[in-house]
Amino acid sequence: MKINWENIKSAEEKLFLKTISKYESEYREFFTDFYETDWANGVLSKYTTDFYLLGGYPEASRSIVCITPFDEPLVNPIAILKIDVKTGFGKELTHRDFLGSILSLGISRAKIGDIVVTSFGAYVFCHIDVAEYIRFNLSKIARFTKIETSIISNNELEIPVPKFTEITTSVSSLRVDVILCAIFNLSRNESSKLIKSEKAKLNGLVINNSSFSVKTGDTLTLRGYGKLILDEIGGLSKKKKIYIKVKRF
């Protein structure tokens, strides 16, 4: 990767890229800890396409970056924990309940990927190095102590497909602020203020400038409003507006 380090202002981004570039030239497979998928993809894709993002399932919001000299990763660094919790008729458990109980064991947040809360408990995607430790030492989730933790294969995983609304509309341009206005029903002024307040992300990277353009496949998130993927860019309307198709989650 050819990187102009002086142009990188974010300390987190700089540390991440230095970690990746250190191992990129070595003829061996390398795995990072978990990062936000969109963020890691947004940072790396500016410099290289020679990486894999592994989250354990296609829609993972947190992923491990793999740098490998081979055609595809040879090792799977992720284990899937299935946590069954007997809660009776008590309060439903949340993502925070599961994460807090796991981190209380002394596990680093960077070793934990997605936590998918289910009717029986949760699926937890974690680094394979900590899977057995969690399985043997996790004795409760929140106040509930009747739990059973097992390591399962991908074939045993049953995660529903994320729900989204498909929206077709037309916009005057492909600028970030214009897209956000159209999909989240905002005024141009509201959209600009939210972007300047750093509440918008483009492919996982925080932006504070409305003039960024969006292309097919890009992900936009706006804090407090939701997430969208620009699925398709069509032709022009009679009024010279651009037809777009968006998946809003």
Protein backbone atom coordinates (compact mmCIF):
# COMPACT_ATOMS: atom_id res chain seq x y z
CA MET A 1 0.00 0.00 0.00
CA LYS A 2 1.23 3.46 -0.88
CA ILE A 3 0.13 5.74 1.94
CA ASN A 4 0.80 9.43 2.47
CA TRP A 5 0.86 9.37 6.27
CA GLU A 6 0.80 13.17 6.54
CA ASN A 7 -2.71 13.24 5.00
CA ILE A 8 -4.16 10.96 7.69
CA LYS A 9 -5.46 12.98 10.63
CA SER A 10 -7.22 10.23 12.57
CA ALA A 11 -4.97 8.48 15.11
CA GLU A 12 -7.18 5.37 14.98
CA GLU A 13 -6.99 5.18 11.20
CA LYS A 14 -3.23 5.69 11.21
CA LEU A 15 -2.64 2.94 13.78
CA PHE A 16 -4.94 0.58 11.86
CA LEU A 17 -3.15 1.16 8.55
CA LYS A 18 0.29 0.80 10.13
CA THR A 19 -0.77 -2.57 11.56
CA ILE A 20 -2.02 -3.73 8.15
CA SER A 21 0.98 -2.43 6.16
CA LYS A 22 3.41 -4.08 8.59
CA TYR A 23 2.17 -7.54 7.61
CA GLU A 24 1.17 -6.89 4.01
CA SER A 25 4.63 -7.65 2.61
CA GLU A 26 5.11 -10.84 4.64
CA TYR A 27 4.28 -14.15 2.97
CA ARG A 28 1.90 -15.35 5.65
CA GLU A 29 -1.69 -15.03 6.66
CA PHE A 30 -2.52 -12.27 9.14
CA PHE A 31 -5.73 -11.49 11.05
CA THR A 32 -6.63 -8.36 12.98
CA ASP A 33 -9.05 -8.04 15.88
CA PHE A 34 -12.66 -6.99 15.16
CA TYR A 35 -13.42 -3.59 13.66
CA GLU A 36 -16.62 -1.98 12.41
CA THR A 37 -17.06 -3.55 8.97
CA ASP A 38 -17.99 -0.38 7.10
CA TRP A 39 -15.19 1.59 8.76
CA ALA A 40 -12.48 -0.99 7.98
CA ASN A 41 -13.68 -1.34 4.41
CA GLY A 42 -13.84 2.43 3.97
CA VAL A 43 -10.29 2.95 5.25
CA LEU A 44 -8.63 0.06 3.41
CA SER A 45 -10.42 0.40 0.07
CA LYS A 46 -8.76 3.80 -0.44
CA TYR A 47 -5.39 2.06 -0.70
CA THR A 48 -5.85 -1.59 -1.65
CA THR A 49 -8.30 -4.33 -2.58
CA ASP A 50 -6.08 -7.14 -1.31
CA PHE A 51 -7.93 -7.91 1.90
CA TYR A 52 -10.86 -9.93 3.21
CA LEU A 53 -13.45 -8.93 5.80
CA LEU A 54 -14.62 -11.87 7.90
CA GLY A 55 -17.56 -11.39 10.23
CA GLY A 56 -18.97 -14.91 10.53
CA TYR A 57 -22.06 -14.20 8.43
CA PRO A 58 -22.76 -11.97 5.39
CA GLU A 59 -24.46 -9.07 7.20
CA ALA A 60 -21.91 -8.74 10.02
CA SER A 61 -21.46 -5.18 11.26
CA ARG A 62 -18.12 -6.09 12.90
CA SER A 63 -15.39 -7.98 11.05
CA ILE A 64 -11.84 -9.25 11.24
CA VAL A 65 -9.51 -8.09 8.47
CA CYS A 66 -7.53 -10.86 6.79
CA ILE A 67 -4.36 -10.19 4.79
CA THR A 68 -3.25 -13.33 2.98
CA PRO A 69 -0.85 -14.23 0.15
CA PHE A 70 -3.23 -16.98 -0.93
CA ASP A 71 -6.34 -16.84 -3.14
CA GLU A 72 -8.57 -16.91 -0.07
CA PRO A 73 -8.15 -17.24 3.72
CA LEU A 74 -6.96 -20.70 4.77
CA VAL A 75 -8.02 -20.37 8.40
CA ASN A 76 -11.31 -19.30 9.94
CA PRO A 77 -10.45 -17.01 12.90
CA ILE A 78 -14.05 -16.75 14.14
CA ALA A 79 -15.97 -19.01 16.50
CA ILE A 80 -19.73 -18.86 16.95
CA LEU A 81 -21.10 -19.16 20.47
CA LYS A 82 -24.73 -20.09 20.97
CA ILE A 83 -25.95 -18.90 24.36
CA ASP A 84 -29.25 -20.34 25.62
CA VAL A 85 -30.74 -18.39 28.51
CA LYS A 86 -33.74 -19.50 30.57
CA THR A 87 -35.39 -16.22 31.55
CA GLY A 88 -38.87 -17.45 32.36
CA PHE A 89 -41.30 -14.57 32.03
CA GLY A 90 -38.82 -11.89 33.03
CA LYS A 91 -37.41 -8.95 31.13
CA GLU A 92 -36.12 -9.68 27.64
CA LEU A 93 -32.35 -9.57 27.34
CA THR A 94 -30.56 -7.00 25.20
CA HIS A 95 -27.31 -6.75 23.29
CA ARG A 96 -25.87 -4.79 26.21
CA ASP A 97 -26.70 -7.59 28.66
CA PHE A 98 -24.74 -10.17 26.67
CA LEU A 99 -21.82 -7.88 25.89
CA GLY A 100 -21.51 -6.69 29.48
CA SER A 101 -21.50 -10.24 30.86
CA ILE A 102 -18.81 -11.33 28.40
CA LEU A 103 -16.59 -8.29 28.98
CA SER A 104 -16.87 -8.84 32.76
CA LEU A 105 -14.79 -12.00 32.22
CA GLY A 106 -11.86 -9.78 31.23
CA ILE A 107 -12.37 -10.25 27.49
CA SER A 108 -11.36 -7.32 25.27
CA ARG A 109 -14.13 -5.73 23.19
CA ALA A 110 -11.83 -6.10 20.18
CA LYS A 111 -12.16 -9.90 20.45
CA ILE A 112 -15.96 -9.79 20.13
CA GLY A 113 -17.80 -9.37 16.84
CA ASP A 114 -21.54 -9.22 16.34
CA ILE A 115 -23.99 -10.29 19.02
CA VAL A 116 -27.31 -11.34 17.52
CA VAL A 117 -30.04 -11.48 20.16
CA THR A 118 -32.61 -14.24 19.55
CA SER A 119 -35.71 -15.72 21.19
CA PHE A 120 -33.58 -18.30 23.03
CA GLY A 121 -30.64 -16.05 23.92
CA ALA A 122 -27.99 -14.96 21.44
CA TYR A 123 -25.37 -15.88 18.90
CA VAL A 124 -21.99 -14.35 19.72
CA PHE A 125 -19.25 -14.13 17.10
CA CYS A 126 -15.83 -13.99 18.72
CA HIS A 127 -12.16 -14.53 18.03
CA ILE A 128 -11.40 -18.24 18.13
CA ASP A 129 -8.69 -17.65 20.75
CA VAL A 130 -11.23 -16.63 23.40
CA ALA A 131 -14.13 -18.95 22.50
CA GLU A 132 -13.33 -21.81 24.86
CA TYR A 133 -12.56 -19.43 27.72
CA ILE A 134 -15.96 -17.77 27.34
CA ARG A 135 -17.73 -21.11 27.00
CA PHE A 136 -16.30 -22.47 30.26
CA ASN A 137 -16.41 -19.27 32.33
CA LEU A 138 -19.63 -17.54 31.33
CA SER A 139 -22.00 -18.40 34.17
CA LYS A 140 -24.72 -15.76 33.82
CA ILE A 141 -26.25 -13.14 31.56
CA ALA A 142 -27.42 -10.13 33.55
CA ARG A 143 -29.20 -11.68 36.58
CA PHE A 144 -30.01 -14.99 34.86
CA THR A 145 -27.83 -17.96 35.80
CA LYS A 146 -29.60 -20.77 33.94
CA ILE A 147 -27.57 -20.58 30.76
CA GLU A 148 -25.94 -23.01 28.37
CA THR A 149 -23.10 -21.95 26.08
CA SER A 150 -21.92 -24.03 23.14
CA ILE A 151 -19.71 -23.56 20.09
CA ILE A 152 -21.57 -24.25 16.86
CA SER A 153 -20.77 -24.44 13.15
CA ASN A 154 -22.03 -22.10 10.44
CA ASN A 155 -24.42 -24.82 9.30
CA GLU A 156 -26.22 -24.61 12.66
CA LEU A 157 -26.59 -20.84 12.49
CA GLU A 158 -30.12 -19.52 12.02
CA ILE A 159 -30.12 -15.76 11.59
CA PRO A 160 -33.05 -14.08 9.82
CA VAL A 161 -32.24 -11.94 6.79
CA PRO A 162 -32.11 -8.23 7.78
CA LYS A 163 -35.30 -6.35 6.95
CA PHE A 164 -35.07 -3.37 4.64
CA THR A 165 -37.34 -1.16 2.59
CA GLU A 166 -36.55 -0.72 -1.09
CA ILE A 167 -37.04 2.89 -2.16
CA THR A 168 -36.98 4.21 -5.72
CA THR A 169 -36.84 7.97 -6.11
CA SER A 170 -35.13 10.72 -8.08
CA VAL A 171 -32.54 13.24 -6.87
CA SER A 172 -30.93 16.36 -8.29
CA SER A 173 -27.41 15.01 -7.64
CA LEU A 174 -25.55 12.18 -5.92
CA ARG A 175 -24.21 14.38 -3.13
CA VAL A 176 -24.47 12.95 0.36
CA ASP A 177 -26.75 15.68 1.66
CA VAL A 178 -29.12 15.31 -1.29
CA ILE A 179 -29.41 11.54 -0.82
CA LEU A 180 -30.03 11.90 2.93
CA CYS A 181 -32.71 14.52 2.32
CA ALA A 182 -34.54 12.27 -0.14
CA ILE A 183 -34.45 9.07 1.91
CA PHE A 184 -34.92 10.42 5.46
CA ASN A 185 -37.33 13.23 4.52
CA LEU A 186 -35.06 16.03 5.72
CA SER A 187 -34.64 19.61 4.58
CA ARG A 188 -31.33 20.56 2.96
CA ASN A 189 -30.55 22.71 6.01
CA GLU A 190 -31.28 19.85 8.46
CA SER A 191 -29.14 17.44 6.45
CA SER A 192 -26.20 19.86 6.29
CA LYS A 193 -26.33 20.53 10.03
CA LEU A 194 -26.29 16.80 10.85
CA ILE A 195 -23.34 16.23 8.52
CA LYS A 196 -21.39 19.17 9.98
CA SER A 197 -22.09 17.73 13.45
CA GLU A 198 -20.33 14.52 12.27
CA LYS A 199 -23.46 12.39 12.63
CA ALA A 200 -23.17 10.97 9.11
CA LYS A 201 -20.91 8.19 7.87
CA LEU A 202 -20.02 7.19 4.32
CA ASN A 203 -18.81 3.60 4.13
CA GLY A 204 -18.13 3.66 7.85
CA LEU A 205 -16.07 6.85 7.83
CA VAL A 206 -17.37 9.96 9.58
CA ILE A 207 -17.83 12.85 7.17
CA ASN A 208 -18.39 16.54 7.89
CA ASN A 209 -18.67 17.80 4.32
CA SER A 210 -21.89 17.66 2.32
CA SER A 211 -20.15 17.65 -1.06
CA PHE A 212 -19.06 13.97 -1.01
CA SER A 213 -20.60 11.97 -3.86
CA VAL A 214 -22.19 8.54 -3.43
CA LYS A 215 -21.76 5.67 -5.89
CA THR A 216 -23.44 2.31 -6.34
CA GLY A 217 -22.78 -0.01 -3.39
CA ASP A 218 -21.91 2.78 -0.97
CA THR A 219 -23.34 2.70 2.55
CA LEU A 220 -24.63 5.81 4.30
CA THR A 221 -25.58 5.96 7.96
CA LEU A 222 -27.13 8.88 9.80
CA ARG A 223 -27.20 8.72 13.58
CA GLY A 224 -30.76 8.67 14.86
CA TYR A 225 -32.24 7.98 11.43
CA GLY A 226 -30.85 4.72 10.07
CA LYS A 227 -28.73 3.13 7.38
CA LEU A 228 -29.04 2.90 3.62
CA ILE A 229 -27.23 1.30 0.71
CA LEU A 230 -27.31 2.89 -2.74
CA ASP A 231 -28.34 -0.17 -4.71
CA GLU A 232 -28.73 1.23 -8.20
CA ILE A 233 -28.24 4.43 -10.19
CA GLY A 234 -30.57 4.75 -13.17
CA GLY A 235 -31.10 7.24 -15.97
CA LEU A 236 -32.43 10.79 -15.99
CA SER A 237 -36.01 11.96 -15.65
CA LYS A 238 -37.56 14.55 -17.97
CA LYS A 239 -36.55 17.17 -15.38
CA LYS A 240 -32.93 15.92 -15.52
CA LYS A 241 -33.12 14.27 -12.10
CA ILE A 242 -31.25 11.01 -11.42
CA TYR A 243 -33.26 7.89 -10.66
CA ILE A 244 -31.87 5.87 -7.75
CA LYS A 245 -32.85 2.70 -5.91
CA VAL A 246 -31.96 2.48 -2.23
CA LYS A 247 -32.19 -0.18 0.46
CA ARG A 248 -33.13 1.47 3.75
CA PHE A 249 -32.56 -0.57 6.92
